[in-house]
N, C-alpha and C. Protein backbone atom coordinates (compact mmCIF):
# COMPACT_ATOMS: atom_id res chain seq x y z
N MET A 1 -24.08 82.38 118.84
CA MET A 1 -24.95 81.17 118.77
C MET A 1 -24.66 80.51 117.65
N ARG A 2 -24.58 79.08 117.54
CA ARG A 2 -24.30 78.24 116.53
C ARG A 2 -25.85 77.40 116.35
N LEU A 3 -25.83 77.12 114.81
CA LEU A 3 -26.99 76.20 114.64
C LEU A 3 -26.95 74.90 115.32
N PRO A 4 -28.03 74.77 116.34
CA PRO A 4 -27.93 73.39 116.91
C PRO A 4 -27.98 72.27 116.03
N ALA A 5 -27.14 71.04 116.33
CA ALA A 5 -27.01 70.10 115.81
C ALA A 5 -28.49 69.31 115.55
N ALA A 6 -29.26 69.21 116.64
CA ALA A 6 -30.38 68.45 116.49
C ALA A 6 -31.57 69.61 116.61
N PRO A 7 -32.75 69.10 116.22
CA PRO A 7 -33.98 69.86 116.35
C PRO A 7 -34.28 70.26 117.73
N ASP A 8 -34.77 71.33 118.13
CA ASP A 8 -35.43 71.71 119.32
C ASP A 8 -36.97 71.30 119.50
N ALA A 9 -37.53 71.31 118.39
CA ALA A 9 -38.87 70.85 118.47
C ALA A 9 -39.41 70.60 117.06
N ILE A 10 -40.58 70.07 117.02
CA ILE A 10 -41.45 69.97 115.63
C ILE A 10 -42.33 70.97 115.82
N ALA A 11 -42.48 71.73 114.59
CA ALA A 11 -43.40 72.98 114.64
C ALA A 11 -45.09 72.36 114.33
N PRO A 12 -45.94 72.68 114.56
CA PRO A 12 -47.31 72.39 114.36
C PRO A 12 -47.57 72.04 113.00
N ASP A 13 -46.57 72.77 112.05
CA ASP A 13 -46.85 72.55 110.59
C ASP A 13 -45.96 71.12 110.15
N GLY A 14 -45.30 70.56 111.05
CA GLY A 14 -44.56 69.22 110.86
C GLY A 14 -42.92 69.59 110.51
N SER A 15 -42.72 70.70 110.26
CA SER A 15 -41.22 70.96 110.15
C SER A 15 -40.27 70.86 111.40
N SER A 16 -39.18 70.84 111.34
CA SER A 16 -38.09 70.58 112.46
C SER A 16 -37.80 72.10 112.80
N VAL A 17 -37.39 72.23 113.88
CA VAL A 17 -37.22 73.88 114.36
C VAL A 17 -35.75 73.83 115.16
N ARG A 18 -35.16 74.66 114.91
CA ARG A 18 -33.65 74.84 115.45
C ARG A 18 -33.70 76.39 115.73
N VAL A 19 -33.97 76.46 117.15
CA VAL A 19 -34.15 77.85 117.69
C VAL A 19 -32.73 78.48 117.80
N LEU A 20 -32.54 79.70 117.16
CA LEU A 20 -31.37 80.47 117.04
C LEU A 20 -31.20 81.39 118.22
N LEU A 21 -31.91 82.59 118.27
CA LEU A 21 -31.88 83.49 119.14
C LEU A 21 -33.28 84.15 119.51
N ARG A 22 -33.57 84.80 120.53
CA ARG A 22 -34.66 85.31 121.07
C ARG A 22 -34.54 86.76 121.73
N LEU A 23 -35.34 87.79 121.39
CA LEU A 23 -35.33 88.98 121.92
C LEU A 23 -36.67 89.34 122.28
N ASN A 24 -36.89 90.47 123.09
CA ASN A 24 -38.21 91.09 123.31
C ASN A 24 -39.07 91.23 122.30
N GLY A 25 -38.50 91.76 120.98
CA GLY A 25 -39.24 91.81 119.81
C GLY A 25 -39.58 90.89 118.94
N GLY A 26 -38.70 89.64 119.05
CA GLY A 26 -38.61 88.58 118.09
C GLY A 26 -37.97 87.46 118.25
N SER A 27 -38.18 86.52 117.33
CA SER A 27 -37.05 85.28 117.62
C SER A 27 -36.71 85.01 116.30
N LEU A 28 -35.58 83.99 116.08
CA LEU A 28 -35.01 83.59 114.95
C LEU A 28 -34.92 82.06 114.98
N ALA A 29 -35.28 81.27 113.87
CA ALA A 29 -35.15 79.79 114.12
C ALA A 29 -35.11 79.50 112.57
N ARG A 30 -34.48 78.27 112.55
CA ARG A 30 -34.31 77.54 111.12
C ARG A 30 -35.31 76.49 111.03
N PHE A 31 -36.22 76.40 110.01
CA PHE A 31 -37.10 75.43 109.96
C PHE A 31 -36.55 74.46 108.61
N GLU A 32 -36.99 73.26 108.82
CA GLU A 32 -36.64 72.33 107.92
C GLU A 32 -37.61 71.36 107.63
N LEU A 33 -38.01 71.13 106.28
CA LEU A 33 -39.12 70.28 105.76
C LEU A 33 -38.20 69.08 105.20
N ALA A 34 -38.76 67.62 105.48
CA ALA A 34 -37.82 66.61 104.89
C ALA A 34 -38.16 66.79 103.37
N ALA A 35 -37.26 66.22 102.31
CA ALA A 35 -37.38 66.09 100.92
C ALA A 35 -38.72 65.35 100.55
N GLY A 36 -39.44 65.68 99.85
CA GLY A 36 -40.80 64.97 99.30
C GLY A 36 -41.76 65.12 100.17
N ALA A 37 -41.60 65.98 101.50
CA ALA A 37 -42.80 66.09 102.51
C ALA A 37 -43.73 67.27 102.16
N THR A 38 -45.02 67.14 102.61
CA THR A 38 -45.82 68.36 102.64
C THR A 38 -46.19 68.71 103.83
N SER A 39 -46.15 69.81 104.47
CA SER A 39 -46.51 70.50 105.95
C SER A 39 -48.06 70.13 106.06
N ASN A 40 -48.49 70.35 107.29
CA ASN A 40 -49.80 70.50 107.82
C ASN A 40 -49.95 72.00 107.43
N ALA A 41 -51.24 72.44 107.08
CA ALA A 41 -51.52 73.69 106.91
C ALA A 41 -52.09 74.25 108.22
N VAL A 42 -51.50 75.54 108.24
CA VAL A 42 -51.63 76.26 109.71
C VAL A 42 -51.91 77.82 109.58
N ALA A 43 -52.27 78.45 110.64
CA ALA A 43 -52.31 79.94 110.67
C ALA A 43 -51.93 80.20 112.19
N HIS A 44 -51.53 81.52 112.18
CA HIS A 44 -50.87 82.07 113.69
C HIS A 44 -52.01 82.88 114.12
N HIS A 45 -52.21 82.95 115.59
CA HIS A 45 -53.24 83.81 116.04
C HIS A 45 -52.71 85.29 116.10
N SER A 46 -51.10 85.52 116.61
CA SER A 46 -50.68 86.73 116.67
C SER A 46 -49.30 87.01 116.25
N VAL A 47 -48.72 85.98 115.66
CA VAL A 47 -47.39 85.95 115.25
C VAL A 47 -47.16 86.38 113.74
N ASP A 48 -46.46 87.55 113.33
CA ASP A 48 -46.16 87.71 112.09
C ASP A 48 -44.78 86.97 111.75
N GLU A 49 -44.51 86.49 110.44
CA GLU A 49 -43.18 85.77 110.32
C GLU A 49 -42.60 86.28 108.79
N ILE A 50 -41.36 86.12 108.91
CA ILE A 50 -40.56 86.62 107.67
C ILE A 50 -39.53 85.18 107.54
N TRP A 51 -39.71 84.59 106.26
CA TRP A 51 -38.78 83.62 106.05
C TRP A 51 -38.06 83.67 104.95
N TYR A 52 -36.80 83.24 105.15
CA TYR A 52 -35.55 83.45 104.10
C TYR A 52 -35.14 82.06 103.66
N PHE A 53 -35.55 81.48 102.54
CA PHE A 53 -35.18 79.95 102.26
C PHE A 53 -33.61 80.15 101.89
N VAL A 54 -32.90 78.91 102.55
CA VAL A 54 -31.57 78.60 102.52
C VAL A 54 -31.07 77.54 101.88
N ARG A 55 -32.21 76.59 101.54
CA ARG A 55 -31.81 75.25 101.12
C ARG A 55 -32.96 74.72 100.40
N GLY A 56 -32.78 73.95 99.41
CA GLY A 56 -33.99 73.07 98.60
C GLY A 56 -34.76 73.86 97.77
N ARG A 57 -35.72 73.46 97.40
CA ARG A 57 -36.83 73.94 96.51
C ARG A 57 -38.09 73.52 96.81
N GLY A 58 -39.24 74.32 96.60
CA GLY A 58 -40.49 73.77 96.93
C GLY A 58 -41.70 74.82 96.60
N GLN A 59 -42.67 74.69 97.13
CA GLN A 59 -43.68 75.58 96.99
C GLN A 59 -44.47 75.90 98.21
N LEU A 60 -44.91 77.10 98.62
CA LEU A 60 -45.50 77.80 99.64
C LEU A 60 -46.97 78.39 99.36
N TRP A 61 -47.90 77.83 99.76
CA TRP A 61 -49.28 78.35 99.56
C TRP A 61 -49.71 79.24 100.91
N ARG A 62 -50.12 80.47 100.45
CA ARG A 62 -50.69 81.12 101.60
C ARG A 62 -52.09 81.92 101.12
N GLN A 63 -53.05 81.95 102.12
CA GLN A 63 -54.34 82.54 101.91
C GLN A 63 -54.47 83.55 102.90
N ALA A 64 -54.97 84.70 102.54
CA ALA A 64 -55.46 85.66 103.44
C ALA A 64 -56.82 86.44 102.83
N ALA A 65 -57.20 87.44 103.54
CA ALA A 65 -58.53 87.84 102.97
C ALA A 65 -58.40 88.48 101.53
N ASP A 66 -57.27 88.99 101.08
CA ASP A 66 -57.02 89.47 99.89
C ASP A 66 -56.35 88.88 98.83
N ARG A 67 -55.90 87.51 99.19
CA ARG A 67 -55.10 86.74 98.26
C ARG A 67 -55.20 85.33 98.64
N ASP A 68 -54.84 84.47 97.54
CA ASP A 68 -54.84 82.98 97.40
C ASP A 68 -53.55 82.79 96.46
N GLU A 69 -52.52 82.35 96.93
CA GLU A 69 -51.39 82.18 96.10
C GLU A 69 -50.51 81.02 96.28
N VAL A 70 -49.82 80.67 95.37
CA VAL A 70 -48.83 79.56 95.54
C VAL A 70 -47.51 80.14 95.00
N VAL A 71 -46.43 80.17 95.65
CA VAL A 71 -45.06 80.84 95.58
C VAL A 71 -44.07 79.61 95.34
N ASP A 72 -43.43 79.73 94.29
CA ASP A 72 -42.15 78.87 94.29
C ASP A 72 -41.13 79.43 94.96
N VAL A 73 -40.69 78.46 95.79
CA VAL A 73 -39.55 78.94 96.60
C VAL A 73 -38.17 78.07 96.54
N GLU A 74 -37.10 78.72 96.75
CA GLU A 74 -35.81 78.16 96.81
C GLU A 74 -34.85 78.88 97.44
N ALA A 75 -33.45 78.48 97.88
CA ALA A 75 -32.50 79.15 98.33
C ALA A 75 -32.70 80.61 97.74
N GLY A 76 -32.73 81.92 98.62
CA GLY A 76 -32.49 83.10 98.22
C GLY A 76 -33.85 83.73 98.06
N VAL A 77 -35.16 83.21 98.06
CA VAL A 77 -36.33 83.85 98.20
C VAL A 77 -36.67 84.07 99.57
N CYS A 78 -37.41 85.04 99.70
CA CYS A 78 -38.01 85.76 100.94
C CYS A 78 -39.43 86.04 100.91
N ILE A 79 -40.14 85.37 101.78
CA ILE A 79 -41.51 85.78 101.80
C ILE A 79 -42.01 86.19 103.15
N SER A 80 -43.18 86.73 103.48
CA SER A 80 -43.87 87.12 104.61
C SER A 80 -45.05 86.26 104.78
N ILE A 81 -45.39 85.92 106.23
CA ILE A 81 -46.68 85.32 106.61
C ILE A 81 -47.37 86.12 107.80
N PRO A 82 -48.06 87.12 107.42
CA PRO A 82 -48.73 87.77 108.44
C PRO A 82 -49.57 87.25 109.29
N ALA A 83 -49.86 87.48 110.44
CA ALA A 83 -50.75 86.72 111.48
C ALA A 83 -51.85 86.45 110.78
N GLY A 84 -52.80 85.34 110.98
CA GLY A 84 -53.94 85.11 110.38
C GLY A 84 -53.98 84.61 109.06
N THR A 85 -52.94 84.50 108.52
CA THR A 85 -52.63 83.92 106.98
C THR A 85 -52.65 82.37 107.05
N ARG A 86 -53.41 81.75 106.32
CA ARG A 86 -53.17 80.37 106.26
C ARG A 86 -52.23 79.95 105.49
N PHE A 87 -51.39 78.97 105.63
CA PHE A 87 -50.23 78.59 104.91
C PHE A 87 -49.89 77.00 105.04
N GLN A 88 -49.19 76.75 104.12
CA GLN A 88 -48.69 75.56 103.88
C GLN A 88 -47.52 75.35 102.77
N PHE A 89 -46.77 74.31 103.10
CA PHE A 89 -45.45 74.15 102.20
C PHE A 89 -45.14 72.72 101.89
N ARG A 90 -44.36 72.63 100.71
CA ARG A 90 -43.83 71.39 100.36
C ARG A 90 -42.36 71.42 99.89
N ALA A 91 -41.66 70.42 100.00
CA ALA A 91 -40.36 70.23 99.61
C ALA A 91 -40.49 69.42 98.43
N LEU A 92 -40.16 69.98 97.25
CA LEU A 92 -39.84 69.13 95.93
C LEU A 92 -38.36 68.87 95.82
N GLY A 93 -38.33 67.94 94.97
CA GLY A 93 -36.76 67.49 94.91
C GLY A 93 -36.30 66.38 95.79
N ASP A 94 -35.05 66.23 95.75
CA ASP A 94 -34.07 65.29 96.45
C ASP A 94 -33.48 65.92 97.77
N GLU A 95 -33.80 67.11 98.10
CA GLU A 95 -33.27 67.74 99.41
C GLU A 95 -34.19 68.39 100.32
N PRO A 96 -34.07 68.40 101.41
CA PRO A 96 -35.03 69.26 102.38
C PRO A 96 -35.04 70.64 102.10
N LEU A 97 -36.40 71.09 102.31
CA LEU A 97 -36.57 72.54 102.16
C LEU A 97 -36.29 73.36 103.51
N ALA A 98 -35.31 74.22 103.63
CA ALA A 98 -34.97 74.83 104.74
C ALA A 98 -35.08 76.40 104.58
N ALA A 99 -35.66 77.01 105.70
CA ALA A 99 -35.65 78.42 105.74
C ALA A 99 -35.12 79.13 107.09
N VAL A 100 -34.88 80.16 107.26
CA VAL A 100 -34.49 80.71 108.47
C VAL A 100 -35.75 81.98 108.58
N GLY A 101 -36.47 81.77 109.75
CA GLY A 101 -37.45 82.53 109.94
C GLY A 101 -37.49 83.41 111.14
N VAL A 102 -38.20 84.88 111.02
CA VAL A 102 -38.12 85.52 112.02
C VAL A 102 -39.48 85.73 112.63
N THR A 103 -39.75 85.49 113.90
CA THR A 103 -41.11 85.72 114.39
C THR A 103 -41.55 87.01 115.28
N MET A 104 -42.46 87.59 114.90
CA MET A 104 -42.62 88.78 115.90
C MET A 104 -43.97 88.90 116.25
N PRO A 105 -44.25 89.03 117.49
CA PRO A 105 -43.37 88.93 118.60
C PRO A 105 -42.67 87.42 118.72
N PRO A 106 -41.94 87.01 119.68
CA PRO A 106 -41.35 85.93 119.90
C PRO A 106 -42.31 84.79 119.76
N TRP A 107 -42.07 83.57 119.39
CA TRP A 107 -42.90 82.45 119.42
C TRP A 107 -43.59 82.22 120.85
N PRO A 108 -44.85 82.21 121.14
CA PRO A 108 -45.20 82.29 122.52
C PRO A 108 -45.45 80.71 122.82
N GLY A 109 -45.73 79.80 121.89
CA GLY A 109 -45.85 78.51 122.48
C GLY A 109 -46.75 77.72 121.38
N GLU A 110 -47.19 76.37 121.67
CA GLU A 110 -47.76 75.43 120.73
C GLU A 110 -49.16 76.08 120.40
N SER A 111 -49.78 76.65 121.35
CA SER A 111 -51.13 77.16 121.03
C SER A 111 -51.13 78.31 120.22
N GLU A 112 -49.97 79.01 119.54
CA GLU A 112 -50.18 79.93 118.75
C GLU A 112 -50.65 79.53 117.34
N ALA A 113 -50.29 78.32 116.93
CA ALA A 113 -50.66 77.88 115.73
C ALA A 113 -52.03 77.00 115.62
N TYR A 114 -52.76 77.02 114.57
CA TYR A 114 -53.74 76.11 114.54
C TYR A 114 -54.06 75.77 113.23
N ARG A 115 -54.45 74.37 113.00
CA ARG A 115 -54.51 73.83 111.87
C ARG A 115 -55.74 74.24 111.21
N VAL A 116 -55.72 74.36 109.78
CA VAL A 116 -56.65 74.85 108.72
C VAL A 116 -56.73 73.79 107.53
N GLU A 117 -57.67 74.02 106.80
CA GLU A 117 -57.68 73.47 105.53
C GLU A 117 -56.53 73.84 104.75
N GLY A 118 -55.92 73.05 103.94
CA GLY A 118 -54.89 73.58 103.25
C GLY A 118 -54.93 73.33 101.61
N LYS A 119 -54.09 73.52 100.87
CA LYS A 119 -54.00 73.54 99.44
C LYS A 119 -53.68 72.02 99.15
N TRP A 120 -52.82 71.29 99.74
CA TRP A 120 -52.48 69.77 99.47
C TRP A 120 -52.74 68.99 100.61
N ARG A 121 -52.71 67.80 100.47
CA ARG A 121 -52.66 66.67 101.65
C ARG A 121 -51.45 66.70 102.35
N PRO A 122 -51.47 66.95 103.60
CA PRO A 122 -50.07 66.88 104.37
C PRO A 122 -49.53 65.33 104.04
N ALA A 123 -48.41 65.31 103.97
CA ALA A 123 -47.57 63.89 103.77
C ALA A 123 -46.14 64.04 104.32
N PRO A 124 -45.70 62.94 104.92
CA PRO A 124 -44.50 62.88 105.50
C PRO A 124 -43.50 62.63 104.24
N ALA A 125 -42.20 62.70 104.47
CA ALA A 125 -41.22 62.35 103.54
C ALA A 125 -41.43 60.89 103.03
N PRO A 126 -41.39 60.67 101.71
CA PRO A 126 -41.41 59.22 101.15
C PRO A 126 -40.46 58.30 102.00
N THR A 127 -40.61 57.04 102.18
CA THR A 127 -39.50 56.26 102.55
C THR A 127 -38.86 55.54 101.46
N THR A 128 -37.64 55.50 101.63
CA THR A 128 -36.80 54.79 100.56
C THR A 128 -36.49 53.15 101.02
N ARG A 129 -36.38 52.41 100.04
CA ARG A 129 -36.33 51.03 100.28
C ARG A 129 -35.00 50.41 99.81
């Protein structure tokens, strides 16, 4: 499987998604948020995720029963997002923020994610003139 040239979908958080592989126990995709953009804050009903950042720099906020934190992310950083964790991320700098993510079980569809109150106001990438 090669990385698809165009996104397969837009995730509920607002990032573009390129699906890579899917097995019974999990799936793998590449997520990308445009430079300067801030995602929608969401949580998942049943899917756990592991993200490995491959491009850009930014911040990821996550909140669960026992923690509320902002993590600085960039290529080479790996994070987990357990089911039920509220999370939001933003791309800082001049390039998109991209991660390869594993979902366990495989992503079941749009109804899996639900919007929550986030750390930051969601914002699309700034327009250039």
